[in-house]
Protein backbone atom coordinates (compact mmCIF):
# COMPACT_ATOMS: atom_id res chain seq x y z
CA UNK A 1 -1.84 -12.73 6.66
CA UNK A 2 0.86 -10.10 6.33
CA UNK A 3 4.51 -10.98 5.84
CA UNK A 4 7.07 -8.51 7.12
CA UNK A 5 10.46 -8.98 5.49
CA UNK A 6 13.58 -7.31 6.79
CA UNK A 7 11.66 -5.13 9.22
CA UNK A 8 13.40 -4.03 12.38
CA UNK A 9 11.44 -2.29 15.09
CA UNK A 10 8.27 -1.67 13.10
CA UNK A 11 5.94 -3.69 15.26
CA UNK A 12 5.26 -3.35 18.95
CA UNK A 13 8.39 -4.57 20.64
CA UNK A 14 10.14 -4.89 17.26
CA UNK A 15 10.52 -7.90 15.03
CA UNK A 16 14.29 -8.19 15.27
CA UNK A 17 14.75 -8.34 11.49
CA UNK A 18 14.25 -11.32 9.25
CA UNK A 19 10.70 -12.34 8.46
CA UNK A 20 7.67 -12.17 10.72
CA UNK A 21 4.11 -13.33 10.06
CA UNK A 22 1.05 -11.93 11.69
CA UNK A 23 -2.67 -11.82 11.21
CA UNK A 24 -3.95 -8.24 11.20
CA UNK A 25 -6.37 -7.46 13.99
CA UNK A 26 -9.74 -5.80 13.51
CA UNK A 27 -9.87 -2.12 14.37
CA UNK A 28 -6.59 -1.04 12.86
CA UNK A 29 -2.88 -1.57 13.21
CA UNK A 30 -0.35 -0.56 15.82
CA UNK A 31 1.16 2.20 13.66
CA UNK A 32 3.31 -0.15 11.58
CA UNK A 33 2.23 1.48 8.31
CA UNK A 34 3.22 4.95 9.48
CA UNK A 35 6.54 3.62 10.80
CA UNK A 36 7.21 1.74 7.57
CA UNK A 37 6.62 4.71 5.26
CA UNK A 38 8.02 7.22 7.74
CA UNK A 39 11.31 5.32 7.81
CA UNK A 40 11.92 5.66 4.06
CA UNK A 41 14.89 7.73 2.99
CA UNK A 42 15.06 6.86 -0.72
CA UNK A 43 12.00 5.06 -2.06
CA UNK A 44 8.42 4.11 -1.20
CA UNK A 45 6.45 1.76 -3.44
CA UNK A 46 2.86 0.58 -3.18
CA UNK A 47 1.65 -2.19 -5.51
CA UNK A 48 -1.94 -3.19 -4.86
CA UNK A 49 -5.38 -3.35 -6.39
CA UNK A 50 -6.72 -0.43 -4.33
CA UNK A 51 -4.87 0.03 -1.02
CA UNK A 52 -8.01 1.95 -0.06
CA UNK A 53 -7.32 1.61 3.66
CA UNK A 54 -4.13 3.66 3.19
CA UNK A 55 -5.80 6.23 0.93
CA UNK A 56 -8.43 6.79 3.63
CA UNK A 57 -5.75 7.47 6.25
CA UNK A 58 -4.91 11.19 6.19
CA UNK A 59 -1.84 10.57 8.34
CA UNK A 60 -0.42 8.16 5.75
CA UNK A 61 -1.24 10.57 2.92
CA UNK A 62 0.59 13.30 4.83
CA UNK A 63 3.64 11.06 5.31
CA UNK A 64 3.71 10.18 1.59
CA UNK A 65 3.43 13.86 0.59
CA UNK A 66 6.12 14.92 3.07
CA UNK A 67 8.43 12.17 1.86
CA UNK A 68 7.92 13.18 -1.77
CA UNK A 69 8.68 16.82 -0.95
CA UNK A 70 11.82 15.66 0.90
CA UNK A 71 13.09 13.93 -2.24
CA UNK A 72 11.96 10.36 -1.57
CA UNK A 73 10.64 8.67 -4.73
CA UNK A 74 7.07 7.51 -4.09
CA UNK A 75 5.46 5.14 -6.59
CA UNK A 76 1.84 4.04 -6.25
CA UNK A 77 0.56 1.41 -8.71
CA UNK A 78 -3.12 0.50 -8.42
CA UNK A 79 -5.21 -1.89 -10.47
CA UNK A 80 -6.78 -0.50 -13.61
CA UNK A 81 -10.49 -0.38 -12.71
CA UNK A 82 -11.30 -1.20 -16.36
CA UNK A 83 -8.89 -4.14 -16.47
CA UNK A 84 -9.97 -7.79 -16.66
CA UNK A 85 -7.90 -8.75 -13.60
CA UNK A 86 -9.79 -6.31 -11.41
CA UNK A 87 -13.11 -7.74 -12.57
CA UNK A 88 -11.85 -11.26 -11.84
CA UNK A 89 -10.60 -10.25 -8.38
CA UNK A 90 -13.98 -8.68 -7.62
CA UNK A 91 -15.70 -11.94 -8.53
CA UNK A 92 -13.25 -13.94 -6.39
CA UNK A 93 -13.94 -11.72 -3.38
CA UNK A 94 -17.69 -11.88 -3.99
CA UNK A 95 -17.93 -8.10 -4.41
CA UNK A 96 -18.20 -7.98 -8.21
CA UNK A 97 -18.04 -4.38 -9.50
CA UNK A 98 -17.29 -3.02 -6.04
CA UNK A 99 -13.58 -3.81 -6.57
CA UNK A 100 -13.39 -1.33 -9.45
CA UNK A 101 -15.34 1.18 -7.34
CA UNK A 102 -12.84 0.75 -4.47
CA UNK A 103 -10.00 1.49 -6.87
CA UNK A 104 -11.75 4.59 -8.24
CA UNK A 105 -12.33 5.78 -4.68
CA UNK A 106 -8.66 5.18 -3.80
CA UNK A 107 -7.56 7.04 -6.95
CA UNK A 108 -9.68 10.03 -5.98
CA UNK A 109 -8.10 10.07 -2.51
CA UNK A 110 -4.52 9.55 -3.76
CA UNK A 111 -4.93 11.97 -6.69
CA UNK A 112 -3.71 15.14 -4.89
CA UNK A 113 -0.41 13.36 -4.22
CA UNK A 114 0.20 13.31 -7.98
CA UNK A 115 0.89 17.04 -7.85
CA UNK A 116 3.71 16.53 -5.34
CA UNK A 117 7.21 16.30 -6.78
CA UNK A 118 8.71 12.78 -6.74
CA UNK A 119 5.31 11.05 -6.48
CA UNK A 120 3.94 8.91 -9.34
CA UNK A 121 0.50 7.30 -9.48
CA UNK A 122 -0.05 4.69 -12.16
CA UNK A 123 -2.41 1.88 -13.08
CA UNK A 124 -1.48 -1.74 -13.72
CA UNK A 125 -3.20 -4.71 -15.32
CA UNK A 126 -1.27 -7.35 -13.42
CA UNK A 127 -2.70 -10.35 -11.62
CA UNK A 128 -1.74 -9.84 -7.98
CA UNK A 129 -1.41 -12.65 -5.49
CA UNK A 130 0.06 -10.24 -2.96
CA UNK A 131 -0.06 -6.51 -2.33
CA UNK A 132 3.43 -5.18 -1.74
CA UNK A 133 4.31 -2.11 0.32
CA UNK A 134 7.97 -1.07 0.30
CA UNK A 135 10.07 1.52 2.08
CA UNK A 136 13.71 1.29 0.99
CA UNK A 137 14.72 -2.30 1.83
CA UNK A 138 11.74 -3.06 4.09
CA UNK A 139 8.55 -4.70 2.86
CA UNK A 140 5.05 -5.45 4.04
CA UNK A 141 3.47 -8.14 1.88
CA UNK A 142 -0.25 -8.83 2.17
CA UNK A 143 -1.26 -12.18 0.72
CA UNK A 144 -4.53 -12.30 -1.18
CA UNK A 145 -6.52 -15.31 -0.12
C-alpha cells in the first residue's frame, strides 16, 4: 500500500489534497513518480532500503539530475548493504542476501548522480517500516509489510 500525503493532482484525475491510499498495480505506475519529483522546487528526499525500481528508471534519474542542476537539493539515503537491518529485512522478505545485492545494484545505478551538484547519496542503518519519497511538502510513503 502507498500513502500519498498532501498530494494534489499527482494521480490520474488528481487526489484533491489530503491523504489518499492506493494499492500499486502490476506493470508500473501512472507517472506519479515523475510528477512527484518533477514538481519539486526546493528539495527531493528518498529514504528507502534500495528504491531499485526508481534507480532502474532512466526518466526518473534524468529528473533527479536536472533538478539537482537547477538548484534543488536531492538527498538519497539507502540501506547500508553491510548493515544488520538490511540482513534482517532480507530474511523477512524471504530473499536473504538478495536485499543487500539489490541495494548494491541501486547504488551502482544512482552513483553517477553523486557527481551532480546538490545531490547527496548516503547509506543508513535504520530500521524502516516505510520507504519515504518527498518532493517539497508532498510525500509518497510505501509501507513495508
